[in-house]
Amino acid sequence: MKRIDLIRTIEGFGCLLVRRGGKHDWYRNPVTSVSQPVPRHREIKEGLSRHIIKILSNPADGLSSSQSPEDSST
């Protein structure tokens, strides 16, 4: 996943940039008070990007690790 797409996704959850570290940027979700580092690479591996999205998403969004958006129509 491209880094810019990941940043747009987590900023869509309302996450804010807390600080810039040496090789990572730290984002915080103000609703859940969870912070997570995001590496500064052009491409971020799919597994890592899914993990960051899972950690920083809001529980009220209805996203769970066992449910994909395609499965929600059942």
PDB file of N, CA and C in Angstrom:
ATOM      1  N   MET A   1       0.852  -1.169   0.000  1.00  0.00           N
ATOM      2  CA  MET A   1       0.000   0.000   0.000  1.00  0.00           C
ATOM      3  C   MET A   1       0.899   1.234   0.000  1.00  0.00           C
ATOM      4  N   LYS A   2       0.520   2.214  -0.762  1.00  0.00           N
ATOM      5  CA  LYS A   2       1.283   3.445  -0.771  1.00  0.00           C
ATOM      6  C   LYS A   2       1.063   4.193   0.536  1.00  0.00           C
ATOM      7  N   ARG A   3       2.116   4.828   1.005  1.00  0.00           N
ATOM      8  CA  ARG A   3       2.065   5.520   2.287  1.00  0.00           C
ATOM      9  C   ARG A   3       0.991   6.605   2.289  1.00  0.00           C
ATOM     10  N   ILE A   4       0.884   7.335   1.198  1.00  0.00           N
ATOM     11  CA  ILE A   4      -0.098   8.422   1.135  1.00  0.00           C
ATOM     12  C   ILE A   4      -1.519   7.890   1.264  1.00  0.00           C
ATOM     13  N   ASP A   5      -1.793   6.706   0.720  1.00  0.00           N
ATOM     14  CA  ASP A   5      -3.122   6.105   0.858  1.00  0.00           C
ATOM     15  C   ASP A   5      -3.387   5.695   2.301  1.00  0.00           C
ATOM     16  N   LEU A   6      -2.364   5.169   2.970  1.00  0.00           N
ATOM     17  CA  LEU A   6      -2.509   4.801   4.378  1.00  0.00           C
ATOM     18  C   LEU A   6      -2.770   6.042   5.232  1.00  0.00           C
ATOM     19  N   ILE A   7      -2.032   7.109   4.979  1.00  0.00           N
ATOM     20  CA  ILE A   7      -2.213   8.347   5.744  1.00  0.00           C
ATOM     21  C   ILE A   7      -3.623   8.900   5.532  1.00  0.00           C
ATOM     22  N   ARG A   8      -4.109   8.884   4.304  1.00  0.00           N
ATOM     23  CA  ARG A   8      -5.477   9.364   4.029  1.00  0.00           C
ATOM     24  C   ARG A   8      -6.509   8.519   4.768  1.00  0.00           C
ATOM     25  N   THR A   9      -6.271   7.214   4.828  1.00  0.00           N
ATOM     26  CA  THR A   9      -7.203   6.321   5.513  1.00  0.00           C
ATOM     27  C   THR A   9      -7.251   6.615   7.002  1.00  0.00           C
ATOM     28  N   ILE A  10      -6.081   6.699   7.644  1.00  0.00           N
ATOM     29  CA  ILE A  10      -6.094   6.913   9.092  1.00  0.00           C
ATOM     30  C   ILE A  10      -6.505   8.337   9.447  1.00  0.00           C
ATOM     31  N   GLU A  11      -6.222   9.310   8.585  1.00  0.00           N
ATOM     32  CA  GLU A  11      -6.715  10.662   8.839  1.00  0.00           C
ATOM     33  C   GLU A  11      -8.233  10.714   8.670  1.00  0.00           C
ATOM     34  N   GLY A  12      -8.769   9.824   7.858  1.00  0.00           N
ATOM     35  CA  GLY A  12     -10.221   9.708   7.724  1.00  0.00           C
ATOM     36  C   GLY A  12     -10.890   9.233   9.011  1.00  0.00           C
ATOM     37  N   PHE A  13     -10.137   8.502   9.831  1.00  0.00           N
ATOM     38  CA  PHE A  13     -10.638   8.071  11.144  1.00  0.00           C
ATOM     39  C   PHE A  13     -10.580   9.211  12.151  1.00  0.00           C
ATOM     40  N   GLY A  14      -9.949  10.332  11.781  1.00  0.00           N
ATOM     41  CA  GLY A  14      -9.790  11.455  12.696  1.00  0.00           C
ATOM     42  C   GLY A  14      -8.439  11.471  13.380  1.00  0.00           C
ATOM     43  N   CYS A  15      -7.522  10.622  12.944  1.00  0.00           N
ATOM     44  CA  CYS A  15      -6.194  10.570  13.556  1.00  0.00           C
ATOM     45  C   CYS A  15      -5.392  11.805  13.203  1.00  0.00           C
ATOM     46  N   LEU A  16      -4.564  12.223  14.151  1.00  0.00           N
ATOM     47  CA  LEU A  16      -3.754  13.420  13.996  1.00  0.00           C
ATOM     48  C   LEU A  16      -2.280  13.075  14.095  1.00  0.00           C
ATOM     49  N   LEU A  17      -1.462  13.803  13.355  1.00  0.00           N
ATOM     50  CA  LEU A  17      -0.022  13.642  13.445  1.00  0.00           C
ATOM     51  C   LEU A  17       0.439  14.214  14.781  1.00  0.00           C
ATOM     52  N   VAL A  18       1.071  13.366  15.589  1.00  0.00           N
ATOM     53  CA  VAL A  18       1.542  13.797  16.904  1.00  0.00           C
ATOM     54  C   VAL A  18       2.947  14.360  16.796  1.00  0.00           C
ATOM     55  N   ARG A  19       3.837  13.600  16.144  1.00  0.00           N
ATOM     56  CA  ARG A  19       5.222  14.046  16.014  1.00  0.00           C
ATOM     57  C   ARG A  19       5.904  13.287  14.896  1.00  0.00           C
ATOM     58  N   ARG A  20       7.009  13.843  14.453  1.00  0.00           N
ATOM     59  CA  ARG A  20       7.857  13.187  13.466  1.00  0.00           C
ATOM     60  C   ARG A  20       9.081  12.653  14.191  1.00  0.00           C
ATOM     61  N   GLY A  21       9.282  11.356  14.108  1.00  0.00           N
ATOM     62  CA  GLY A  21      10.452  10.735  14.718  1.00  0.00           C
ATOM     63  C   GLY A  21      11.576  10.650  13.703  1.00  0.00           C
ATOM     64  N   GLY A  22      12.580   9.834  13.990  1.00  0.00           N
ATOM     65  CA  GLY A  22      13.704   9.681  13.084  1.00  0.00           C
ATOM     66  C   GLY A  22      13.321   9.033  11.776  1.00  0.00           C
ATOM     67  N   LYS A  23      12.608   7.906  11.841  1.00  0.00           N
ATOM     68  CA  LYS A  23      12.213   7.180  10.633  1.00  0.00           C
ATOM     69  C   LYS A  23      10.720   6.915  10.570  1.00  0.00           C
ATOM     70  N   HIS A  24       9.979   7.373  11.572  1.00  0.00           N
ATOM     71  CA  HIS A  24       8.541   7.125  11.631  1.00  0.00           C
ATOM     72  C   HIS A  24       7.808   8.408  12.012  1.00  0.00           C
ATOM     73  N   ASP A  25       6.567   8.505  11.586  1.00  0.00           N
ATOM     74  CA  ASP A  25       5.663   9.546  12.058  1.00  0.00           C
ATOM     75  C   ASP A  25       4.685   8.882  13.015  1.00  0.00           C
ATOM     76  N   TRP A  26       4.351   9.565  14.097  1.00  0.00           N
ATOM     77  CA  TRP A  26       3.430   9.014  15.083  1.00  0.00           C
ATOM     78  C   TRP A  26       2.061   9.664  14.913  1.00  0.00           C
ATOM     79  N   TYR A  27       1.043   8.826  14.749  1.00  0.00           N
ATOM     80  CA  TYR A  27      -0.335   9.292  14.624  1.00  0.00           C
ATOM     81  C   TYR A  27      -1.121   8.831  15.839  1.00  0.00           C
ATOM     82  N   ARG A  28      -2.077   9.659  16.267  1.00  0.00           N
ATOM     83  CA  ARG A  28      -2.891   9.362  17.452  1.00  0.00           C
ATOM     84  C   ARG A  28      -4.357   9.530  17.098  1.00  0.00           C
ATOM     85  N   ASN A  29      -5.153   8.579  17.549  1.00  0.00           N
ATOM     86  CA  ASN A  29      -6.597   8.666  17.397  1.00  0.00           C
ATOM     87  C   ASN A  29      -7.137   9.341  18.655  1.00  0.00           C
ATOM     88  N   PRO A  30      -7.690  10.554  18.540  1.00  0.00           N
ATOM     89  CA  PRO A  30      -8.166  11.261  19.732  1.00  0.00           C
ATOM     90  C   PRO A  30      -9.369  10.609  20.402  1.00  0.00           C
ATOM     91  N   VAL A  31     -10.120   9.793  19.669  1.00  0.00           N
ATOM     92  CA  VAL A  31     -11.294   9.121  20.243  1.00  0.00           C
ATOM     93  C   VAL A  31     -10.858   7.989  21.166  1.00  0.00           C
ATOM     94  N   THR A  32      -9.904   7.167  20.704  1.00  0.00           N
ATOM     95  CA  THR A  32      -9.466   6.008  21.475  1.00  0.00           C
ATOM     96  C   THR A  32      -8.172   6.254  22.248  1.00  0.00           C
ATOM     97  N   SER A  33      -7.512   7.379  22.015  1.00  0.00           N
ATOM     98  CA  SER A  33      -6.232   7.734  22.650  1.00  0.00           C
ATOM     99  C   SER A  33      -5.125   6.731  22.351  1.00  0.00           C
ATOM    100  N   VAL A  34      -5.199   6.074  21.202  1.00  0.00           N
ATOM    101  CA  VAL A  34      -4.187   5.102  20.798  1.00  0.00           C
ATOM    102  C   VAL A  34      -3.231   5.785  19.828  1.00  0.00           C
ATOM    103  N   SER A  35      -1.925   5.586  20.048  1.00  0.00           N
ATOM    104  CA  SER A  35      -0.904   6.115  19.148  1.00  0.00           C
ATOM    105  C   SER A  35      -0.207   4.964  18.445  1.00  0.00           C
ATOM    106  N   GLN A  36       0.228   5.218  17.214  1.00  0.00           N
ATOM    107  CA  GLN A  36       0.865   4.172  16.419  1.00  0.00           C
ATOM    108  C   GLN A  36       1.877   4.815  15.485  1.00  0.00           C
ATOM    109  N   PRO A  37       3.087   4.238  15.374  1.00  0.00           N
ATOM    110  CA  PRO A  37       4.054   4.772  14.427  1.00  0.00           C
ATOM    111  C   PRO A  37       3.726   4.328  12.996  1.00  0.00           C
ATOM    112  N   VAL A  38       4.000   5.208  12.049  1.00  0.00           N
ATOM    113  CA  VAL A  38       3.826   4.917  10.626  1.00  0.00           C
ATOM    114  C   VAL A  38       5.174   5.157   9.958  1.00  0.00           C
ATOM    115  N   PRO A  39       5.759   4.122   9.360  1.00  0.00           N
ATOM    116  CA  PRO A  39       7.082   4.288   8.745  1.00  0.00           C
ATOM    117  C   PRO A  39       7.039   5.250   7.565  1.00  0.00           C
ATOM    118  N   ARG A  40       8.173   5.921   7.342  1.00  0.00           N
ATOM    119  CA  ARG A  40       8.280   6.853   6.223  1.00  0.00           C
ATOM    120  C   ARG A  40       8.921   6.163   5.020  1.00  0.00           C
ATOM    121  N   HIS A  41       8.176   5.246   4.414  1.00  0.00           N
ATOM    122  CA  HIS A  41       8.589   4.571   3.190  1.00  0.00           C
ATOM    123  C   HIS A  41       7.511   4.841   2.149  1.00  0.00           C
ATOM    124  N   ARG A  42       7.876   4.818   0.884  1.00  0.00           N
ATOM    125  CA  ARG A  42       6.871   5.014  -0.172  1.00  0.00           C
ATOM    126  C   ARG A  42       5.851   3.888  -0.150  1.00  0.00           C
ATOM    127  N   GLU A  43       6.325   2.669  -0.019  1.00  0.00           N
ATOM    128  CA  GLU A  43       5.457   1.491   0.018  1.00  0.00           C
ATOM    129  C   GLU A  43       5.509   0.871   1.411  1.00  0.00           C
ATOM    130  N   ILE A  44       4.351   0.534   1.944  1.00  0.00           N
ATOM    131  CA  ILE A  44       4.261  -0.137   3.242  1.00  0.00           C
ATOM    132  C   ILE A  44       3.598  -1.482   2.990  1.00  0.00           C
ATOM    133  N   LYS A  45       4.181  -2.543   3.532  1.00  0.00           N
ATOM    134  CA  LYS A  45       3.660  -3.887   3.303  1.00  0.00           C
ATOM    135  C   LYS A  45       2.211  -3.988   3.765  1.00  0.00           C
ATOM    136  N   GLU A  46       1.445  -4.806   3.039  1.00  0.00           N
ATOM    137  CA  GLU A  46       0.006  -4.935   3.288  1.00  0.00           C
ATOM    138  C   GLU A  46      -0.311  -5.349   4.731  1.00  0.00           C
ATOM    139  N   GLY A  47       0.445  -6.308   5.255  1.00  0.00           N
ATOM    140  CA  GLY A  47       0.197  -6.766   6.623  1.00  0.00           C
ATOM    141  C   GLY A  47       0.375  -5.654   7.639  1.00  0.00           C
ATOM    142  N   LEU A  48       1.423  -4.868   7.468  1.00  0.00           N
ATOM    143  CA  LEU A  48       1.681  -3.755   8.387  1.00  0.00           C
ATOM    144  C   LEU A  48       0.619  -2.670   8.238  1.00  0.00           C
ATOM    145  N   SER A  49       0.234  -2.368   7.018  1.00  0.00           N
ATOM    146  CA  SER A  49      -0.785  -1.332   6.826  1.00  0.00           C
ATOM    147  C   SER A  49      -2.132  -1.774   7.401  1.00  0.00           C
ATOM    148  N   ARG A  50      -2.489  -3.051   7.252  1.00  0.00           N
ATOM    149  CA  ARG A  50      -3.732  -3.554   7.868  1.00  0.00           C
ATOM    150  C   ARG A  50      -3.664  -3.453   9.387  1.00  0.00           C
ATOM    151  N   HIS A  51      -2.499  -3.755   9.953  1.00  0.00           N
ATOM    152  CA  HIS A  51      -2.321  -3.669  11.408  1.00  0.00           C
ATOM    153  C   HIS A  51      -2.485  -2.226  11.890  1.00  0.00           C
ATOM    154  N   ILE A  52      -1.872  -1.285  11.194  1.00  0.00           N
ATOM    155  CA  ILE A  52      -1.972   0.122  11.587  1.00  0.00           C
ATOM    156  C   ILE A  52      -3.423   0.591  11.492  1.00  0.00           C
ATOM    157  N   ILE A  53      -4.111   0.202  10.423  1.00  0.00           N
ATOM    158  CA  ILE A  53      -5.515   0.584  10.265  1.00  0.00           C
ATOM    159  C   ILE A  53      -6.365  -0.030  11.373  1.00  0.00           C
ATOM    160  N   LYS A  54      -6.106  -1.277  11.720  1.00  0.00           N
ATOM    161  CA  LYS A  54      -6.859  -1.957  12.781  1.00  0.00           C
ATOM    162  C   LYS A  54      -6.657  -1.268  14.126  1.00  0.00           C
ATOM    163  N   ILE A  55      -5.419  -0.911  14.435  1.00  0.00           N
ATOM    164  CA  ILE A  55      -5.104  -0.281  15.721  1.00  0.00           C
ATOM    165  C   ILE A  55      -5.713   1.117  15.814  1.00  0.00           C
ATOM    166  N   LEU A  56      -5.636   1.896  14.736  1.00  0.00           N
ATOM    167  CA  LEU A  56      -6.063   3.293  14.788  1.00  0.00           C
ATOM    168  C   LEU A  56      -7.526   3.518  14.420  1.00  0.00           C
ATOM    169  N   SER A  57      -8.230   2.466  13.993  1.00  0.00           N
ATOM    170  CA  SER A  57      -9.634   2.665  13.620  1.00  0.00           C
ATOM    171  C   SER A  57     -10.494   2.855  14.865  1.00  0.00           C
ATOM    172  N   ASN A  58     -11.646   3.468  14.655  1.00  0.00           N
ATOM    173  CA  ASN A  58     -12.595   3.679  15.749  1.00  0.00           C
ATOM    174  C   ASN A  58     -13.472   2.454  15.899  1.00  0.00           C
ATOM    175  N   PRO A  59     -13.723   2.005  17.119  1.00  0.00           N
ATOM    176  CA  PRO A  59     -14.597   0.845  17.311  1.00  0.00           C
ATOM    177  C   PRO A  59     -16.016   1.108  16.800  1.00  0.00           C
ATOM    178  N   ALA A  60     -16.448   2.343  16.777  1.00  0.00           N
ATOM    179  CA  ALA A  60     -17.794   2.682  16.308  1.00  0.00           C
ATOM    180  C   ALA A  60     -17.911   2.567  14.795  1.00  0.00           C
ATOM    181  N   ASP A  61     -16.780   2.472  14.089  1.00  0.00           N
ATOM    182  CA  ASP A  61     -16.811   2.338  12.636  1.00  0.00           C
ATOM    183  C   ASP A  61     -17.319   0.978  12.202  1.00  0.00           C
ATOM    184  N   GLY A  62     -17.296   0.009  13.095  1.00  0.00           N
ATOM    185  CA  GLY A  62     -17.781  -1.319  12.764  1.00  0.00           C
ATOM    186  C   GLY A  62     -16.759  -2.178  12.052  1.00  0.00           C
ATOM    187  N   LEU A  63     -15.515  -1.747  11.996  1.00  0.00           N
ATOM    188  CA  LEU A  63     -14.473  -2.554  11.363  1.00  0.00           C
ATOM    189  C   LEU A  63     -13.921  -3.532  12.384  1.00  0.00           C
ATOM    190  N   SER A  64     -13.919  -4.786  12.018  1.00  0.00           N
ATOM    191  CA  SER A  64     -13.311  -5.795  12.874  1.00  0.00           C
ATOM    192  C   SER A  64     -12.328  -6.595  12.048  1.00  0.00           C
ATOM    193  N   SER A  65     -11.403  -7.249  12.707  1.00  0.00           N
ATOM    194  CA  SER A  65     -10.367  -7.993  11.981  1.00  0.00           C
ATOM    195  C   SER A  65     -10.924  -9.224  11.288  1.00  0.00           C
ATOM    196  N   SER A  66     -12.031  -9.779  11.782  1.00  0.00           N
ATOM    197  CA  SER A  66     -12.575 -10.998  11.180  1.00  0.00           C
ATOM    198  C   SER A  66     -13.608 -10.699  10.097  1.00  0.00           C
ATOM    199  N   GLN A  67     -13.936  -9.427   9.877  1.00  0.00           N
ATOM    200  CA  GLN A  67     -14.982  -9.072   8.928  1.00  0.00           C
ATOM    201  C   GLN A  67     -14.418  -8.110   7.892  1.00  0.00           C
ATOM    202  N   SER A  68     -14.563  -8.455   6.646  1.00  0.00           N
ATOM    203  CA  SER A  68     -14.140  -7.562   5.588  1.00  0.00           C
ATOM    204  C   SER A  68     -15.361  -6.798   5.082  1.00  0.00           C
ATOM    205  N   PRO A  69     -15.151  -5.656   4.424  1.00  0.00           N
ATOM    206  CA  PRO A  69     -16.306  -4.875   3.947  1.00  0.00           C
ATOM    207  C   PRO A  69     -17.191  -5.653   2.979  1.00  0.00           C
ATOM    208  N   GLU A  70     -16.634  -6.586   2.216  1.00  0.00           N
ATOM    209  CA  GLU A  70     -17.432  -7.364   1.298  1.00  0.00           C
ATOM    210  C   GLU A  70     -18.366  -8.327   2.020  1.00  0.00           C
ATOM    211  N   ASP A  71     -17.966  -8.792   3.210  1.00  0.00           N
ATOM    212  CA  ASP A  71     -18.753  -9.763   3.961  1.00  0.00           C
ATOM    213  C   ASP A  71     -19.916  -9.117   4.724  1.00  0.00           C
ATOM    214  N   SER A  72     -19.957  -7.791   4.801  1.00  0.00           N
ATOM    215  CA  SER A  72     -20.962  -7.139   5.620  1.00  0.00           C
ATOM    216  C   SER A  72     -22.361  -7.163   4.999  1.00  0.00           C
ATOM    217  N   SER A  73     -22.480  -7.580   3.746  1.00  0.00           N
ATOM    218  CA  SER A  73     -23.780  -7.593   3.088  1.00  0.00           C
ATOM    219  C   SER A  73     -24.603  -8.826   3.425  1.00  0.00           C
ATOM    220  N   THR A  74     -24.063  -9.794   4.141  1.00  0.00           N
ATOM    221  CA  THR A  74     -24.783 -11.021   4.471  1.00  0.00           C
ATOM    222  C   THR A  74     -25.719 -10.838   5.633  1.00  0.00           C
TER     223      THR A  74
END
